[in-house]
Amino acid sequence: MLKILWMKKWISLLLVFNLLLLHFAQEMDSVKIENKRLEFQYKNLYFPVGLMIAGITTDGNGSGSIKNEIVKYRNEHLPGFQNRFDDYVQMFPFAAVYGFEWIGMKPRTDWKNRTAILIKGQLLNLGMVYLLKTTLNETRPDGTAYSFPSGHVANAFAGAAMLSIEYGENHRWVPYAAYGVAAGVGVMRIANNRHYISDVLFGAGLGILSMKVAYWTHQYQWNQHKSIKDPFLGSIY
């Protein structure tokens, strides 16, 4: 009975959300997208590289180590906790990269170049995740394989980085919301006993760095036609 009520609640929220999207979509005006390049700056390496270093330094297995203490705390306070929500939430930032434009928010990059950047960033991100997982083959807290780094978290933070770059300049709340969702995925991976804090920290840094590298190296060769229709805005630019 509780499960049915829970499902009805979420279906109702989705219906309301879709109605709001339709309302905003009908009212939005044509938007000129300028394809502003993201210039490389060394200071933009500090946060993602710092997270990756933190992930490496907290990966020790000694008695009283941070990662083992967090697992111990989790087992004492959340025994038997299991949730699949993080499997879906990790994709929210990527959905918003296109969804925000659909409701009238101005992105930094047109949809073709944005898609090319997304593909390049994720090839680098998920390729590194796969390489590290299969090479290191570290055991998860629940005893299964391929713990380090967290692919879910790397995916969520890559999406958060992209969402922040595309919309953060014009909408200051976007980075807080994007990274807040990504951090929530990391917390859920630990609560589900699927990852250590070291896996989460390194995955977060890897995801952010991968997407920023995709932006820094992108040549903006797509959409060279004089006019083209954006399927999300419905406008010609």
C-alpha atoms as a PDB file:
ATOM      1  CA  MET A   1       0.000   0.000   0.000  1.00  0.00           C
ATOM      2  CA  LEU A   2       2.803   2.438   0.922  1.00  0.00           C
ATOM      3  CA  LYS A   3       4.621   1.585  -2.312  1.00  0.00           C
ATOM      4  CA  ILE A   4       1.498   2.419  -4.360  1.00  0.00           C
ATOM      5  CA  LEU A   5       1.071   5.744  -2.536  1.00  0.00           C
ATOM      6  CA  TRP A   6       4.740   6.552  -3.109  1.00  0.00           C
ATOM      7  CA  MET A   7       4.410   5.826  -6.841  1.00  0.00           C
ATOM      8  CA  LYS A   8       1.271   7.986  -7.094  1.00  0.00           C
ATOM      9  CA  LYS A   9       3.096  10.848  -5.392  1.00  0.00           C
ATOM     10  CA  TRP A  10       5.984  10.747  -7.861  1.00  0.00           C
ATOM     11  CA  ILE A  11       3.680  10.396 -10.873  1.00  0.00           C
ATOM     12  CA  SER A  12       1.768  13.483  -9.711  1.00  0.00           C
ATOM     13  CA  LEU A  13       5.009  15.453  -9.314  1.00  0.00           C
ATOM     14  CA  LEU A  14       6.147  14.427 -12.799  1.00  0.00           C
ATOM     15  CA  LEU A  15       2.837  15.521 -14.303  1.00  0.00           C
ATOM     16  CA  VAL A  16       3.069  18.925 -12.607  1.00  0.00           C
ATOM     17  CA  PHE A  17       6.680  19.285 -13.779  1.00  0.00           C
ATOM     18  CA  ASN A  18       5.730  18.467 -17.380  1.00  0.00           C
ATOM     19  CA  LEU A  19       2.883  21.005 -17.301  1.00  0.00           C
ATOM     20  CA  LEU A  20       5.309  23.685 -16.097  1.00  0.00           C
ATOM     21  CA  LEU A  21       7.753  22.804 -18.873  1.00  0.00           C
ATOM     22  CA  LEU A  22       5.015  23.129 -21.482  1.00  0.00           C
ATOM     23  CA  HIS A  23       3.991  26.487 -20.026  1.00  0.00           C
ATOM     24  CA  PHE A  24       7.523  27.885 -20.189  1.00  0.00           C
ATOM     25  CA  ALA A  25       8.132  26.389 -23.622  1.00  0.00           C
ATOM     26  CA  GLN A  26       5.127  28.193 -25.056  1.00  0.00           C
ATOM     27  CA  GLU A  27       6.266  31.573 -23.703  1.00  0.00           C
ATOM     28  CA  MET A  28       9.981  31.523 -24.540  1.00  0.00           C
ATOM     29  CA  ASP A  29      11.445  33.833 -27.198  1.00  0.00           C
ATOM     30  CA  SER A  30      14.196  33.186 -29.720  1.00  0.00           C
ATOM     31  CA  VAL A  31      17.630  33.056 -28.091  1.00  0.00           C
ATOM     32  CA  LYS A  32      20.942  33.820 -29.759  1.00  0.00           C
ATOM     33  CA  ILE A  33      23.622  31.333 -28.698  1.00  0.00           C
ATOM     34  CA  GLU A  34      27.177  32.633 -29.045  1.00  0.00           C
ATOM     35  CA  ASN A  35      29.268  29.469 -28.506  1.00  0.00           C
ATOM     36  CA  LYS A  36      31.638  31.125 -26.037  1.00  0.00           C
ATOM     37  CA  ARG A  37      34.864  29.196 -25.605  1.00  0.00           C
ATOM     38  CA  LEU A  38      35.899  28.052 -22.150  1.00  0.00           C
ATOM     39  CA  GLU A  39      39.447  29.311 -21.706  1.00  0.00           C
ATOM     40  CA  PHE A  40      41.919  27.118 -19.860  1.00  0.00           C
ATOM     41  CA  GLN A  41      43.078  28.483 -16.505  1.00  0.00           C
ATOM     42  CA  TYR A  42      45.320  26.665 -14.043  1.00  0.00           C
ATOM     43  CA  LYS A  43      43.106  27.667 -11.128  1.00  0.00           C
ATOM     44  CA  ASN A  44      40.300  25.589 -12.643  1.00  0.00           C
ATOM     45  CA  LEU A  45      42.421  22.484 -12.005  1.00  0.00           C
ATOM     46  CA  TYR A  46      42.570  23.003  -8.244  1.00  0.00           C
ATOM     47  CA  PHE A  47      39.111  21.699  -7.362  1.00  0.00           C
ATOM     48  CA  PRO A  48      38.960  18.504  -9.485  1.00  0.00           C
ATOM     49  CA  VAL A  49      42.615  17.584  -8.936  1.00  0.00           C
ATOM     50  CA  GLY A  50      42.215  18.287  -5.211  1.00  0.00           C
ATOM     51  CA  LEU A  51      39.275  15.879  -5.067  1.00  0.00           C
ATOM     52  CA  MET A  52      41.272  13.200  -6.878  1.00  0.00           C
ATOM     53  CA  ILE A  53      44.232  13.628  -4.516  1.00  0.00           C
ATOM     54  CA  ALA A  54      41.854  13.445  -1.551  1.00  0.00           C
ATOM     55  CA  GLY A  55      40.449  10.209  -2.971  1.00  0.00           C
ATOM     56  CA  ILE A  56      43.924   8.708  -3.240  1.00  0.00           C
ATOM     57  CA  THR A  57      45.050   9.821   0.229  1.00  0.00           C
ATOM     58  CA  THR A  58      41.917   8.443   1.926  1.00  0.00           C
ATOM     59  CA  ASP A  59      42.238   5.060   0.219  1.00  0.00           C
ATOM     60  CA  GLY A  60      44.275   3.472   3.013  1.00  0.00           C
ATOM     61  CA  ASN A  61      42.999   0.291   4.655  1.00  0.00           C
ATOM     62  CA  GLY A  62      44.666   0.682   8.034  1.00  0.00           C
ATOM     63  CA  SER A  63      42.828   0.546  11.336  1.00  0.00           C
ATOM     64  CA  GLY A  64      41.047   3.837  11.997  1.00  0.00           C
ATOM     65  CA  SER A  65      41.367   5.026   8.394  1.00  0.00           C
ATOM     66  CA  ILE A  66      38.782   7.553   7.233  1.00  0.00           C
ATOM     67  CA  LYS A  67      37.236   5.274   4.640  1.00  0.00           C
ATOM     68  CA  ASN A  68      36.853   2.363   7.067  1.00  0.00           C
ATOM     69  CA  GLU A  69      35.483   4.599   9.812  1.00  0.00           C
ATOM     70  CA  ILE A  70      32.786   5.907   7.456  1.00  0.00           C
ATOM     71  CA  VAL A  71      31.839   2.341   6.503  1.00  0.00           C
ATOM     72  CA  LYS A  72      31.700   1.433  10.188  1.00  0.00           C
ATOM     73  CA  TYR A  73      29.431   4.410  10.894  1.00  0.00           C
ATOM     74  CA  ARG A  74      27.216   3.448   7.971  1.00  0.00           C
ATOM     75  CA  ASN A  75      26.896  -0.161   9.161  1.00  0.00           C
ATOM     76  CA  GLU A  76      25.983   0.983  12.667  1.00  0.00           C
ATOM     77  CA  HIS A  77      23.379   3.569  11.676  1.00  0.00           C
ATOM     78  CA  LEU A  78      22.083   2.353   8.286  1.00  0.00           C
ATOM     79  CA  PRO A  79      22.220  -1.451   8.420  1.00  0.00           C
ATOM     80  CA  GLY A  80      20.426  -3.044   5.506  1.00  0.00           C
ATOM     81  CA  PHE A  81      19.852   0.274   3.712  1.00  0.00           C
ATOM     82  CA  GLN A  82      19.352  -0.254  -0.035  1.00  0.00           C
ATOM     83  CA  ASN A  83      18.150   2.264  -2.596  1.00  0.00           C
ATOM     84  CA  ARG A  84      18.270   2.359  -6.406  1.00  0.00           C
ATOM     85  CA  PHE A  85      17.517   6.087  -6.632  1.00  0.00           C
ATOM     86  CA  ASP A  86      21.152   6.949  -7.338  1.00  0.00           C
ATOM     87  CA  ASP A  87      21.023   4.854 -10.527  1.00  0.00           C
ATOM     88  CA  TYR A  88      18.610   7.416 -11.962  1.00  0.00           C
ATOM     89  CA  VAL A  89      19.695  10.649 -10.251  1.00  0.00           C
ATOM     90  CA  GLN A  90      23.172  10.392 -11.804  1.00  0.00           C
ATOM     91  CA  MET A  91      21.575  11.255 -15.169  1.00  0.00           C
ATOM     92  CA  PHE A  92      19.614  14.313 -13.956  1.00  0.00           C
ATOM     93  CA  PRO A  93      22.379  16.874 -14.711  1.00  0.00           C
ATOM     94  CA  PHE A  94      22.733  15.611 -18.302  1.00  0.00           C
ATOM     95  CA  ALA A  95      18.968  15.760 -18.816  1.00  0.00           C
ATOM     96  CA  ALA A  96      18.988  19.332 -17.485  1.00  0.00           C
ATOM     97  CA  VAL A  97      21.735  20.321 -19.968  1.00  0.00           C
ATOM     98  CA  TYR A  98      19.045  20.120 -22.660  1.00  0.00           C
ATOM     99  CA  GLY A  99      15.930  20.538 -20.506  1.00  0.00           C
ATOM    100  CA  PHE A 100      16.951  23.962 -19.202  1.00  0.00           C
ATOM    101  CA  GLU A 101      17.290  25.260 -22.759  1.00  0.00           C
ATOM    102  CA  TRP A 102      13.850  23.870 -23.566  1.00  0.00           C
ATOM    103  CA  ILE A 103      12.243  25.957 -20.820  1.00  0.00           C
ATOM    104  CA  GLY A 104      13.931  29.125 -22.075  1.00  0.00           C
ATOM    105  CA  MET A 105      17.262  29.360 -20.259  1.00  0.00           C
ATOM    106  CA  LYS A 106      20.190  30.470 -22.415  1.00  0.00           C
ATOM    107  CA  PRO A 107      23.067  27.954 -22.680  1.00  0.00           C
ATOM    108  CA  ARG A 108      26.671  28.796 -23.479  1.00  0.00           C
ATOM    109  CA  THR A 109      26.893  26.411 -26.460  1.00  0.00           C
ATOM    110  CA  ASP A 110      24.514  25.432 -29.248  1.00  0.00           C
ATOM    111  CA  TRP A 111      23.043  21.935 -29.130  1.00  0.00           C
ATOM    112  CA  LYS A 112      25.320  20.338 -31.754  1.00  0.00           C
ATOM    113  CA  ASN A 113      28.591  21.512 -30.222  1.00  0.00           C
ATOM    114  CA  ARG A 114      27.179  20.797 -26.765  1.00  0.00           C
ATOM    115  CA  THR A 115      26.418  17.220 -27.777  1.00  0.00           C
ATOM    116  CA  ALA A 116      29.910  16.802 -29.251  1.00  0.00           C
ATOM    117  CA  ILE A 117      31.442  18.088 -26.010  1.00  0.00           C
ATOM    118  CA  LEU A 118      29.247  15.760 -23.953  1.00  0.00           C
ATOM    119  CA  ILE A 119      30.298  12.735 -26.014  1.00  0.00           C
ATOM    120  CA  LYS A 120      34.007  13.612 -25.841  1.00  0.00           C
ATOM    121  CA  GLY A 121      33.848  14.315 -22.122  1.00  0.00           C
ATOM    122  CA  GLN A 122      32.048  11.070 -21.364  1.00  0.00           C
ATOM    123  CA  LEU A 123      34.366   8.998 -23.547  1.00  0.00           C
ATOM    124  CA  LEU A 124      37.283  10.325 -21.502  1.00  0.00           C
ATOM    125  CA  ASN A 125      35.445  10.094 -18.186  1.00  0.00           C
ATOM    126  CA  LEU A 126      33.912   6.622 -18.490  1.00  0.00           C
ATOM    127  CA  GLY A 127      36.958   5.309 -20.349  1.00  0.00           C
ATOM    128  CA  MET A 128      39.183   6.269 -17.406  1.00  0.00           C
ATOM    129  CA  VAL A 129      36.659   4.848 -14.935  1.00  0.00           C
ATOM    130  CA  TYR A 130      36.645   1.509 -16.776  1.00  0.00           C
ATOM    131  CA  LEU A 131      40.448   1.427 -17.067  1.00  0.00           C
ATOM    132  CA  LEU A 132      40.975   2.161 -13.364  1.00  0.00           C
ATOM    133  CA  LYS A 133      38.284  -0.249 -12.187  1.00  0.00           C
ATOM    134  CA  THR A 134      39.586  -3.187 -14.223  1.00  0.00           C
ATOM    135  CA  THR A 135      43.258  -2.432 -13.539  1.00  0.00           C
ATOM    136  CA  LEU A 136      42.991  -1.894  -9.777  1.00  0.00           C
ATOM    137  CA  ASN A 137      40.065  -4.299  -9.177  1.00  0.00           C
ATOM    138  CA  GLU A 138      39.488  -3.044  -5.642  1.00  0.00           C
ATOM    139  CA  THR A 139      36.794  -4.670  -3.498  1.00  0.00           C
ATOM    140  CA  ARG A 140      33.660  -2.735  -2.608  1.00  0.00           C
ATOM    141  CA  PRO A 141      32.415  -2.432   0.992  1.00  0.00           C
ATOM    142  CA  ASP A 142      29.767  -5.087   0.217  1.00  0.00           C
ATOM    143  CA  GLY A 143      32.438  -7.531  -0.993  1.00  0.00           C
ATOM    144  CA  THR A 144      31.873  -7.228  -4.744  1.00  0.00           C
ATOM    145  CA  ALA A 145      34.488  -6.112  -7.257  1.00  0.00           C
ATOM    146  CA  TYR A 146      35.435  -2.902  -9.090  1.00  0.00           C
ATOM    147  CA  SER A 147      35.104  -0.321  -6.349  1.00  0.00           C
ATOM    148  CA  PHE A 148      37.607   2.393  -7.281  1.00  0.00           C
ATOM    149  CA  PRO A 149      36.585   4.877  -8.578  1.00  0.00           C
ATOM    150  CA  SER A 150      32.809   5.325  -8.455  1.00  0.00           C
ATOM    151  CA  GLY A 151      31.364   5.405 -11.960  1.00  0.00           C
ATOM    152  CA  HIS A 152      28.015   6.755 -10.749  1.00  0.00           C
ATOM    153  CA  VAL A 153      29.711   9.688  -9.033  1.00  0.00           C
ATOM    154  CA  ALA A 154      32.056  10.386 -11.953  1.00  0.00           C
ATOM    155  CA  ASN A 155      29.024  10.438 -14.239  1.00  0.00           C
ATOM    156  CA  ALA A 156      27.014  12.738 -11.938  1.00  0.00           C
ATOM    157  CA  PHE A 157      29.860  15.229 -11.457  1.00  0.00           C
ATOM    158  CA  ALA A 158      30.675  15.291 -15.175  1.00  0.00           C
ATOM    159  CA  GLY A 159      27.054  16.235 -15.801  1.00  0.00           C
ATOM    160  CA  ALA A 160      27.144  18.804 -13.004  1.00  0.00           C
ATOM    161  CA  ALA A 161      30.292  20.380 -14.474  1.00  0.00           C
ATOM    162  CA  MET A 162      28.709  20.616 -17.902  1.00  0.00           C
ATOM    163  CA  LEU A 163      25.458  22.031 -16.530  1.00  0.00           C
ATOM    164  CA  SER A 164      27.390  24.645 -14.528  1.00  0.00           C
ATOM    165  CA  ILE A 165      29.483  25.692 -17.527  1.00  0.00           C
ATOM    166  CA  GLU A 166      26.465  25.980 -19.823  1.00  0.00           C
ATOM    167  CA  TYR A 167      24.115  27.886 -17.511  1.00  0.00           C
ATOM    168  CA  GLY A 168      26.078  29.072 -14.467  1.00  0.00           C
ATOM    169  CA  GLU A 169      27.147  32.409 -15.946  1.00  0.00           C
ATOM    170  CA  ASN A 170      23.573  33.617 -16.450  1.00  0.00           C
ATOM    171  CA  HIS A 171      21.954  31.664 -13.618  1.00  0.00           C
ATOM    172  CA  ARG A 172      24.120  31.681 -10.492  1.00  0.00           C
ATOM    173  CA  TRP A 173      21.990  29.066  -8.698  1.00  0.00           C
ATOM    174  CA  VAL A 174      22.678  26.374 -11.301  1.00  0.00           C
ATOM    175  CA  PRO A 175      26.158  25.256 -10.067  1.00  0.00           C
ATOM    176  CA  TYR A 176      24.866  24.929  -6.489  1.00  0.00           C
ATOM    177  CA  ALA A 177      21.920  22.818  -7.616  1.00  0.00           C
ATOM    178  CA  ALA A 178      23.998  20.747 -10.056  1.00  0.00           C
ATOM    179  CA  TYR A 179      26.819  19.924  -7.655  1.00  0.00           C
ATOM    180  CA  GLY A 180      24.308  19.427  -4.840  1.00  0.00           C
ATOM    181  CA  VAL A 181      22.580  16.688  -6.853  1.00  0.00           C
ATOM    182  CA  ALA A 182      25.942  15.119  -7.749  1.00  0.00           C
ATOM    183  CA  ALA A 183      27.053  15.179  -4.096  1.00  0.00           C
ATOM    184  CA  GLY A 184      23.763  13.486  -3.192  1.00  0.00           C
ATOM    185  CA  VAL A 185      24.652  10.654  -5.573  1.00  0.00           C
ATOM    186  CA  GLY A 186      27.975  10.255  -3.771  1.00  0.00           C
ATOM    187  CA  VAL A 187      26.280  10.106  -0.373  1.00  0.00           C
ATOM    188  CA  MET A 188      23.811   7.516  -1.643  1.00  0.00           C
ATOM    189  CA  ARG A 189      26.602   5.332  -3.049  1.00  0.00           C
ATOM    190  CA  ILE A 190      28.176   5.246   0.407  1.00  0.00           C
ATOM    191  CA  ALA A 191      24.820   4.710   2.140  1.00  0.00           C
ATOM    192  CA  ASN A 192      24.082   1.808  -0.229  1.00  0.00           C
ATOM    193  CA  ASN A 193      27.384   0.219   0.857  1.00  0.00           C
ATOM    194  CA  ARG A 194      28.613   0.257  -2.740  1.00  0.00           C
ATOM    195  CA  HIS A 195      31.551   2.626  -2.367  1.00  0.00           C
ATOM    196  CA  TYR A 196      34.123   4.033   0.022  1.00  0.00           C
ATOM    197  CA  ILE A 197      34.632   7.763   0.486  1.00  0.00           C
ATOM    198  CA  SER A 198      37.882   7.447  -1.506  1.00  0.00           C
ATOM    199  CA  ASP A 199      35.987   6.056  -4.518  1.00  0.00           C
ATOM    200  CA  VAL A 200      33.506   8.922  -4.336  1.00  0.00           C
ATOM    201  CA  LEU A 201      36.071  11.722  -4.008  1.00  0.00           C
ATOM    202  CA  PHE A 202      38.260  10.469  -6.845  1.00  0.00           C
ATOM    203  CA  GLY A 203      35.233   9.823  -9.082  1.00  0.00           C
ATOM    204  CA  ALA A 204      33.944  13.352  -8.465  1.00  0.00           C
ATOM    205  CA  GLY A 205      37.255  14.934  -9.422  1.00  0.00           C
ATOM    206  CA  LEU A 206      37.640  12.705 -12.475  1.00  0.00           C
ATOM    207  CA  GLY A 207      34.163  13.564 -13.736  1.00  0.00           C
ATOM    208  CA  ILE A 208      34.688  17.322 -13.404  1.00  0.00           C
ATOM    209  CA  LEU A 209      38.173  17.245 -14.953  1.00  0.00           C
ATOM    210  CA  SER A 210      37.080  15.072 -17.893  1.00  0.00           C
ATOM    211  CA  MET A 211      34.274  17.430 -18.863  1.00  0.00           C
ATOM    212  CA  LYS A 212      36.439  20.529 -18.483  1.00  0.00           C
ATOM    213  CA  VAL A 213      39.115  18.968 -20.701  1.00  0.00           C
ATOM    214  CA  ALA A 214      36.411  18.350 -23.324  1.00  0.00           C
ATOM    215  CA  TYR A 215      35.486  22.056 -23.218  1.00  0.00           C
ATOM    216  CA  TRP A 216      39.086  23.300 -23.227  1.00  0.00           C
ATOM    217  CA  THR A 217      39.968  21.230 -26.293  1.00  0.00           C
ATOM    218  CA  HIS A 218      36.760  21.704 -28.295  1.00  0.00           C
ATOM    219  CA  GLN A 219      37.168  23.474 -31.648  1.00  0.00           C
ATOM    220  CA  TYR A 220      33.487  24.376 -32.253  1.00  0.00           C
ATOM    221  CA  GLN A 221      33.419  22.959 -35.772  1.00  0.00           C
ATOM    222  CA  TRP A 222      29.734  21.995 -35.663  1.00  0.00           C
ATOM    223  CA  ASN A 223      26.870  24.246 -36.784  1.00  0.00           C
ATOM    224  CA  GLN A 224      28.884  26.127 -39.391  1.00  0.00           C
ATOM    225  CA  HIS A 225      25.812  26.712 -41.577  1.00  0.00           C
ATOM    226  CA  LYS A 226      24.479  30.253 -41.861  1.00  0.00           C
ATOM    227  CA  SER A 227      21.193  29.279 -40.289  1.00  0.00           C
ATOM    228  CA  ILE A 228      20.033  26.180 -38.482  1.00  0.00           C
ATOM    229  CA  LYS A 229      17.056  25.238 -36.406  1.00  0.00           C
ATOM    230  CA  ASP A 230      17.604  24.332 -32.777  1.00  0.00           C
ATOM    231  CA  PRO A 231      15.188  21.495 -31.870  1.00  0.00           C
ATOM    232  CA  PHE A 232      15.073  22.658 -28.235  1.00  0.00           C
ATOM    233  CA  LEU A 233      14.486  26.369 -28.841  1.00  0.00           C
ATOM    234  CA  GLY A 234      12.566  26.043 -32.068  1.00  0.00           C
ATOM    235  CA  SER A 235      14.447  29.117 -33.339  1.00  0.00           C
ATOM    236  CA  ILE A 236      16.806  29.825 -36.218  1.00  0.00           C
ATOM    237  CA  TYR A 237      20.270  31.203 -35.460  1.00  0.00           C
END
